[in-house]
Amino acid sequence: MNMKLEVVPLPVTDVERSLAFYVDKVGFHLDHDVQPGNGMRIIQLTPPGSACSIVFGTGMGDASAAGSIKNLHLVVDDIVEARKLLDGRGVELSDIQDMGGVKYVYFADPDGNSWALQQIPSR
């Protein structure tokens, strides 16, 4: 039996600010932005080349959990180029950290949900 992780809920406080951050700065693709009614809004975004998306919006749960998601990993082929690209878009990033051949760069969204760019040596 296959089990594919394809959507991760991300709690945020300001939907428009988060949408702009992930699309304009980080470069995620907007899959959909729908308002099915009753004050609910669902936004789904996918990182370039990923099979897993994030989803956030309004009327979807407890907004007080905003910033509680930590260290979601985005695996990249070239961490230097990925860091340069995001830095050029205005994302605040850590320096590259080498953890015994596996390299990381860290950043957070405006709510404090945190991310790690990860470059793994050839498998």
N, C-alpha and C. Protein backbone atom coordinates (compact mmCIF):
# COMPACT_ATOMS: atom_id res chain seq x y z
N MET A 1 0.85 -1.17 0.00
CA MET A 1 0.00 0.00 0.00
C MET A 1 0.90 1.24 0.00
N ASN A 2 0.66 2.15 -0.93
CA ASN A 2 1.37 3.42 -0.97
C ASN A 2 0.68 4.43 -0.06
N MET A 3 1.48 5.27 0.57
CA MET A 3 0.96 6.38 1.36
C MET A 3 1.77 7.60 0.98
N LYS A 4 1.13 8.54 0.32
CA LYS A 4 1.82 9.72 -0.16
C LYS A 4 1.41 10.94 0.66
N LEU A 5 2.40 11.62 1.20
CA LEU A 5 2.13 12.89 1.86
C LEU A 5 2.06 13.94 0.77
N GLU A 6 0.87 14.53 0.58
CA GLU A 6 0.70 15.45 -0.53
C GLU A 6 0.25 16.85 -0.12
N VAL A 7 -0.27 17.01 1.10
CA VAL A 7 -0.70 18.34 1.55
C VAL A 7 -0.37 18.49 3.04
N VAL A 8 0.25 19.62 3.39
CA VAL A 8 0.56 19.92 4.78
C VAL A 8 -0.17 21.20 5.16
N PRO A 9 -1.07 21.16 6.15
CA PRO A 9 -1.75 22.38 6.61
C PRO A 9 -0.74 23.29 7.31
N LEU A 10 -0.84 24.57 7.02
CA LEU A 10 0.09 25.55 7.59
C LEU A 10 -0.72 26.66 8.25
N PRO A 11 -0.69 26.77 9.58
CA PRO A 11 -1.47 27.81 10.25
C PRO A 11 -0.81 29.18 10.09
N VAL A 12 -1.58 30.16 9.63
CA VAL A 12 -1.09 31.52 9.44
C VAL A 12 -2.11 32.51 9.99
N THR A 13 -1.66 33.72 10.29
CA THR A 13 -2.58 34.74 10.81
C THR A 13 -3.11 35.67 9.73
N ASP A 14 -2.31 35.92 8.70
CA ASP A 14 -2.68 36.86 7.66
C ASP A 14 -2.55 36.17 6.30
N VAL A 15 -3.69 35.78 5.73
CA VAL A 15 -3.71 35.00 4.50
C VAL A 15 -3.05 35.75 3.34
N GLU A 16 -3.36 37.02 3.16
CA GLU A 16 -2.79 37.79 2.05
C GLU A 16 -1.28 37.92 2.18
N ARG A 17 -0.81 38.21 3.39
CA ARG A 17 0.63 38.34 3.63
C ARG A 17 1.33 37.02 3.36
N SER A 18 0.74 35.91 3.80
CA SER A 18 1.33 34.59 3.58
C SER A 18 1.32 34.23 2.10
N LEU A 19 0.23 34.52 1.41
CA LEU A 19 0.14 34.25 -0.02
C LEU A 19 1.24 35.00 -0.77
N ALA A 20 1.42 36.27 -0.47
CA ALA A 20 2.47 37.07 -1.12
C ALA A 20 3.86 36.52 -0.80
N PHE A 21 4.10 36.13 0.45
CA PHE A 21 5.41 35.60 0.84
C PHE A 21 5.73 34.33 0.06
N TYR A 22 4.81 33.38 0.07
CA TYR A 22 5.10 32.09 -0.55
C TYR A 22 5.14 32.15 -2.08
N VAL A 23 4.31 32.98 -2.70
CA VAL A 23 4.30 33.07 -4.16
C VAL A 23 5.40 34.02 -4.65
N ASP A 24 5.44 35.24 -4.13
CA ASP A 24 6.35 36.26 -4.65
C ASP A 24 7.79 36.09 -4.17
N LYS A 25 7.98 35.68 -2.93
CA LYS A 25 9.34 35.58 -2.39
C LYS A 25 9.93 34.17 -2.53
N VAL A 26 9.16 33.16 -2.14
CA VAL A 26 9.70 31.80 -2.14
C VAL A 26 9.50 31.11 -3.49
N GLY A 27 8.51 31.55 -4.26
CA GLY A 27 8.32 31.01 -5.60
C GLY A 27 7.42 29.80 -5.71
N PHE A 28 6.56 29.59 -4.71
CA PHE A 28 5.60 28.49 -4.78
C PHE A 28 4.55 28.80 -5.86
N HIS A 29 3.98 27.74 -6.44
CA HIS A 29 2.93 27.87 -7.45
C HIS A 29 1.56 27.89 -6.75
N LEU A 30 0.70 28.83 -7.15
CA LEU A 30 -0.66 28.89 -6.61
C LEU A 30 -1.50 27.85 -7.34
N ASP A 31 -1.89 26.79 -6.63
CA ASP A 31 -2.72 25.74 -7.20
C ASP A 31 -4.18 26.17 -7.24
N HIS A 32 -4.66 26.67 -6.11
CA HIS A 32 -6.01 27.21 -6.08
C HIS A 32 -6.22 28.12 -4.88
N ASP A 33 -7.16 29.02 -5.06
CA ASP A 33 -7.57 29.97 -4.04
C ASP A 33 -9.09 30.04 -4.17
N VAL A 34 -9.78 29.30 -3.29
CA VAL A 34 -11.24 29.19 -3.41
C VAL A 34 -11.92 29.65 -2.12
N GLN A 35 -13.14 30.12 -2.28
CA GLN A 35 -13.96 30.53 -1.15
C GLN A 35 -15.30 29.79 -1.24
N PRO A 36 -15.37 28.59 -0.63
CA PRO A 36 -16.58 27.78 -0.77
C PRO A 36 -17.79 28.30 0.00
N GLY A 37 -17.61 29.31 0.84
CA GLY A 37 -18.75 29.87 1.58
C GLY A 37 -18.53 29.87 3.08
N ASN A 38 -19.44 30.47 3.80
CA ASN A 38 -19.40 30.54 5.27
C ASN A 38 -18.09 31.11 5.81
N GLY A 39 -17.48 32.06 5.07
CA GLY A 39 -16.25 32.69 5.53
C GLY A 39 -15.00 31.86 5.34
N MET A 40 -15.12 30.72 4.69
CA MET A 40 -13.97 29.85 4.49
C MET A 40 -13.24 30.25 3.20
N ARG A 41 -11.92 30.23 3.27
CA ARG A 41 -11.07 30.45 2.11
C ARG A 41 -9.94 29.43 2.17
N ILE A 42 -9.69 28.75 1.07
CA ILE A 42 -8.67 27.71 1.02
C ILE A 42 -7.67 28.06 -0.07
N ILE A 43 -6.40 28.16 0.32
CA ILE A 43 -5.32 28.44 -0.61
C ILE A 43 -4.35 27.27 -0.57
N GLN A 44 -4.06 26.71 -1.73
CA GLN A 44 -3.11 25.61 -1.82
C GLN A 44 -1.96 26.03 -2.73
N LEU A 45 -0.74 25.84 -2.25
CA LEU A 45 0.47 26.22 -2.96
C LEU A 45 1.43 25.04 -3.02
N THR A 46 2.19 24.94 -4.11
CA THR A 46 3.14 23.84 -4.26
C THR A 46 4.52 24.39 -4.60
N PRO A 47 5.55 23.94 -3.87
CA PRO A 47 6.91 24.33 -4.23
C PRO A 47 7.27 23.80 -5.62
N PRO A 48 8.11 24.52 -6.38
CA PRO A 48 8.48 24.05 -7.71
C PRO A 48 9.09 22.65 -7.65
N GLY A 49 8.57 21.74 -8.46
CA GLY A 49 9.11 20.38 -8.53
C GLY A 49 8.64 19.44 -7.45
N SER A 50 7.77 19.89 -6.55
CA SER A 50 7.35 19.07 -5.42
C SER A 50 6.03 18.36 -5.71
N ALA A 51 5.85 17.21 -5.08
CA ALA A 51 4.58 16.50 -5.13
C ALA A 51 3.74 16.80 -3.88
N CYS A 52 4.30 17.58 -2.96
CA CYS A 52 3.61 17.91 -1.72
C CYS A 52 3.35 19.42 -1.69
N SER A 53 2.14 19.78 -1.29
CA SER A 53 1.71 21.17 -1.23
C SER A 53 1.49 21.60 0.21
N ILE A 54 1.34 22.93 0.38
CA ILE A 54 0.88 23.47 1.66
C ILE A 54 -0.50 24.04 1.44
N VAL A 55 -1.29 24.12 2.50
CA VAL A 55 -2.62 24.70 2.42
C VAL A 55 -2.84 25.57 3.66
N PHE A 56 -3.42 26.75 3.44
CA PHE A 56 -3.81 27.63 4.54
C PHE A 56 -5.01 28.44 4.09
N GLY A 57 -5.58 29.17 5.02
CA GLY A 57 -6.73 29.99 4.65
C GLY A 57 -7.44 30.51 5.88
N THR A 58 -8.73 30.77 5.71
CA THR A 58 -9.56 31.25 6.82
C THR A 58 -10.70 30.26 7.03
N GLY A 59 -11.16 30.18 8.27
CA GLY A 59 -12.25 29.29 8.59
C GLY A 59 -11.85 27.83 8.54
N MET A 60 -10.56 27.57 8.71
CA MET A 60 -10.04 26.20 8.59
C MET A 60 -9.53 25.62 9.91
N GLY A 61 -9.67 26.35 10.98
CA GLY A 61 -9.17 25.82 12.24
C GLY A 61 -8.63 26.93 13.13
N ASP A 62 -7.79 26.56 14.05
CA ASP A 62 -7.28 27.43 15.09
C ASP A 62 -6.14 28.30 14.59
N ALA A 63 -6.39 29.59 14.38
CA ALA A 63 -5.35 30.52 13.92
C ALA A 63 -4.31 30.78 15.01
N SER A 64 -4.61 30.45 16.27
CA SER A 64 -3.63 30.68 17.34
C SER A 64 -2.43 29.77 17.20
N ALA A 65 -2.51 28.74 16.36
CA ALA A 65 -1.39 27.84 16.14
C ALA A 65 -0.41 28.39 15.10
N ALA A 66 -0.67 29.59 14.58
CA ALA A 66 0.21 30.18 13.57
C ALA A 66 1.64 30.20 14.06
N GLY A 67 2.55 29.79 13.21
CA GLY A 67 3.97 29.76 13.56
C GLY A 67 4.41 28.48 14.24
N SER A 68 3.51 27.53 14.40
CA SER A 68 3.84 26.32 15.16
C SER A 68 4.50 25.21 14.32
N ILE A 69 4.50 25.36 13.01
CA ILE A 69 5.11 24.35 12.15
C ILE A 69 6.61 24.65 12.06
N LYS A 70 7.43 23.66 12.34
CA LYS A 70 8.87 23.88 12.39
C LYS A 70 9.62 22.92 11.47
N ASN A 71 10.58 23.48 10.75
CA ASN A 71 11.56 22.75 9.96
C ASN A 71 10.98 21.85 8.87
N LEU A 72 10.02 22.36 8.11
CA LEU A 72 9.63 21.66 6.90
C LEU A 72 10.82 21.73 5.95
N HIS A 73 11.16 20.63 5.32
CA HIS A 73 12.35 20.57 4.46
C HIS A 73 12.00 20.71 2.99
N LEU A 74 12.74 21.55 2.32
CA LEU A 74 12.70 21.66 0.86
C LEU A 74 14.05 21.17 0.37
N VAL A 75 14.08 20.01 -0.27
CA VAL A 75 15.33 19.43 -0.74
C VAL A 75 15.68 20.05 -2.09
N VAL A 76 16.91 20.54 -2.20
CA VAL A 76 17.38 21.22 -3.40
C VAL A 76 18.64 20.54 -3.93
N ASP A 77 18.89 20.71 -5.22
CA ASP A 77 20.10 20.16 -5.83
C ASP A 77 21.33 21.00 -5.52
N ASP A 78 21.15 22.32 -5.48
CA ASP A 78 22.28 23.24 -5.30
C ASP A 78 21.88 24.29 -4.27
N ILE A 79 22.36 24.12 -3.06
CA ILE A 79 21.95 25.00 -1.97
C ILE A 79 22.48 26.42 -2.14
N VAL A 80 23.63 26.57 -2.77
CA VAL A 80 24.18 27.90 -3.01
C VAL A 80 23.26 28.68 -3.94
N GLU A 81 22.83 28.04 -5.03
CA GLU A 81 21.93 28.70 -5.99
C GLU A 81 20.56 28.96 -5.38
N ALA A 82 20.04 27.99 -4.61
CA ALA A 82 18.73 28.16 -3.98
C ALA A 82 18.77 29.32 -2.99
N ARG A 83 19.84 29.41 -2.21
CA ARG A 83 19.98 30.51 -1.25
C ARG A 83 20.08 31.84 -1.97
N LYS A 84 20.86 31.88 -3.03
CA LYS A 84 21.02 33.11 -3.80
C LYS A 84 19.68 33.58 -4.38
N LEU A 85 18.89 32.64 -4.91
CA LEU A 85 17.59 32.96 -5.50
C LEU A 85 16.65 33.56 -4.45
N LEU A 86 16.53 32.89 -3.30
CA LEU A 86 15.62 33.37 -2.25
C LEU A 86 16.11 34.68 -1.64
N ASP A 87 17.42 34.81 -1.47
CA ASP A 87 17.98 36.04 -0.95
C ASP A 87 17.65 37.20 -1.90
N GLY A 88 17.75 36.97 -3.19
CA GLY A 88 17.44 37.98 -4.18
C GLY A 88 15.97 38.39 -4.17
N ARG A 89 15.12 37.54 -3.65
CA ARG A 89 13.69 37.85 -3.55
C ARG A 89 13.33 38.46 -2.19
N GLY A 90 14.32 38.65 -1.34
CA GLY A 90 14.08 39.31 -0.06
C GLY A 90 13.76 38.40 1.11
N VAL A 91 14.00 37.10 0.99
CA VAL A 91 13.78 36.17 2.10
C VAL A 91 14.97 36.25 3.05
N GLU A 92 14.70 36.39 4.35
CA GLU A 92 15.77 36.38 5.35
C GLU A 92 16.21 34.95 5.59
N LEU A 93 17.50 34.67 5.35
CA LEU A 93 18.03 33.31 5.39
C LEU A 93 19.23 33.20 6.32
N SER A 94 19.43 31.99 6.84
CA SER A 94 20.65 31.73 7.60
C SER A 94 21.81 31.54 6.62
N ASP A 95 23.01 31.49 7.15
CA ASP A 95 24.15 31.09 6.34
C ASP A 95 24.03 29.59 6.06
N ILE A 96 24.78 29.11 5.10
CA ILE A 96 24.80 27.68 4.80
C ILE A 96 25.52 26.96 5.93
N GLN A 97 24.90 25.90 6.42
CA GLN A 97 25.50 25.09 7.49
C GLN A 97 25.75 23.69 6.95
N ASP A 98 26.96 23.21 7.09
CA ASP A 98 27.35 21.88 6.63
C ASP A 98 27.33 20.94 7.83
N MET A 99 26.44 19.96 7.77
CA MET A 99 26.30 18.98 8.85
C MET A 99 26.86 17.64 8.38
N GLY A 100 28.15 17.59 8.16
CA GLY A 100 28.78 16.34 7.73
C GLY A 100 28.43 15.95 6.31
N GLY A 101 28.36 16.91 5.42
CA GLY A 101 28.06 16.63 4.02
C GLY A 101 26.64 16.97 3.62
N VAL A 102 25.73 17.01 4.57
CA VAL A 102 24.36 17.45 4.30
C VAL A 102 24.32 18.94 4.67
N LYS A 103 23.89 19.77 3.70
CA LYS A 103 23.94 21.21 3.90
C LYS A 103 22.53 21.77 4.09
N TYR A 104 22.45 22.79 4.95
CA TYR A 104 21.17 23.40 5.29
C TYR A 104 21.23 24.92 5.23
N VAL A 105 20.10 25.52 4.89
CA VAL A 105 19.84 26.95 5.03
C VAL A 105 18.44 27.06 5.61
N TYR A 106 18.28 27.93 6.61
CA TYR A 106 17.00 28.04 7.31
C TYR A 106 16.35 29.40 7.06
N PHE A 107 15.01 29.40 7.02
CA PHE A 107 14.24 30.63 6.94
C PHE A 107 12.87 30.40 7.56
N ALA A 108 12.14 31.49 7.76
CA ALA A 108 10.80 31.40 8.35
C ALA A 108 9.85 32.31 7.57
N ASP A 109 8.57 31.96 7.63
CA ASP A 109 7.56 32.83 7.02
C ASP A 109 7.21 33.95 8.00
N PRO A 110 6.37 34.89 7.61
CA PRO A 110 6.05 36.01 8.50
C PRO A 110 5.43 35.62 9.84
N ASP A 111 4.84 34.42 9.94
CA ASP A 111 4.26 33.97 11.21
C ASP A 111 5.25 33.19 12.07
N GLY A 112 6.40 32.82 11.52
CA GLY A 112 7.37 32.04 12.26
C GLY A 112 7.36 30.55 11.96
N ASN A 113 6.52 30.10 11.01
CA ASN A 113 6.63 28.72 10.55
C ASN A 113 8.00 28.60 9.90
N SER A 114 8.77 27.58 10.24
CA SER A 114 10.15 27.54 9.77
C SER A 114 10.38 26.45 8.73
N TRP A 115 11.36 26.73 7.90
CA TRP A 115 11.71 25.90 6.76
C TRP A 115 13.22 25.66 6.74
N ALA A 116 13.60 24.53 6.14
CA ALA A 116 15.01 24.24 5.92
C ALA A 116 15.20 23.86 4.46
N LEU A 117 16.09 24.58 3.79
CA LEU A 117 16.56 24.09 2.48
C LEU A 117 17.61 23.03 2.81
N GLN A 118 17.56 21.91 2.15
CA GLN A 118 18.49 20.81 2.43
C GLN A 118 19.10 20.32 1.12
N GLN A 119 20.43 20.22 1.11
CA GLN A 119 21.13 19.60 -0.02
C GLN A 119 21.78 18.34 0.51
N ILE A 120 21.37 17.22 -0.07
CA ILE A 120 21.88 15.92 0.33
C ILE A 120 22.94 15.49 -0.68
N PRO A 121 24.05 14.90 -0.24
CA PRO A 121 25.02 14.41 -1.22
C PRO A 121 24.36 13.41 -2.16
N SER A 122 24.92 13.22 -3.32
CA SER A 122 24.35 12.28 -4.30
C SER A 122 24.02 10.97 -3.64
N ARG A 123 22.84 10.48 -3.95
CA ARG A 123 22.37 9.24 -3.34
C ARG A 123 22.83 8.05 -4.13
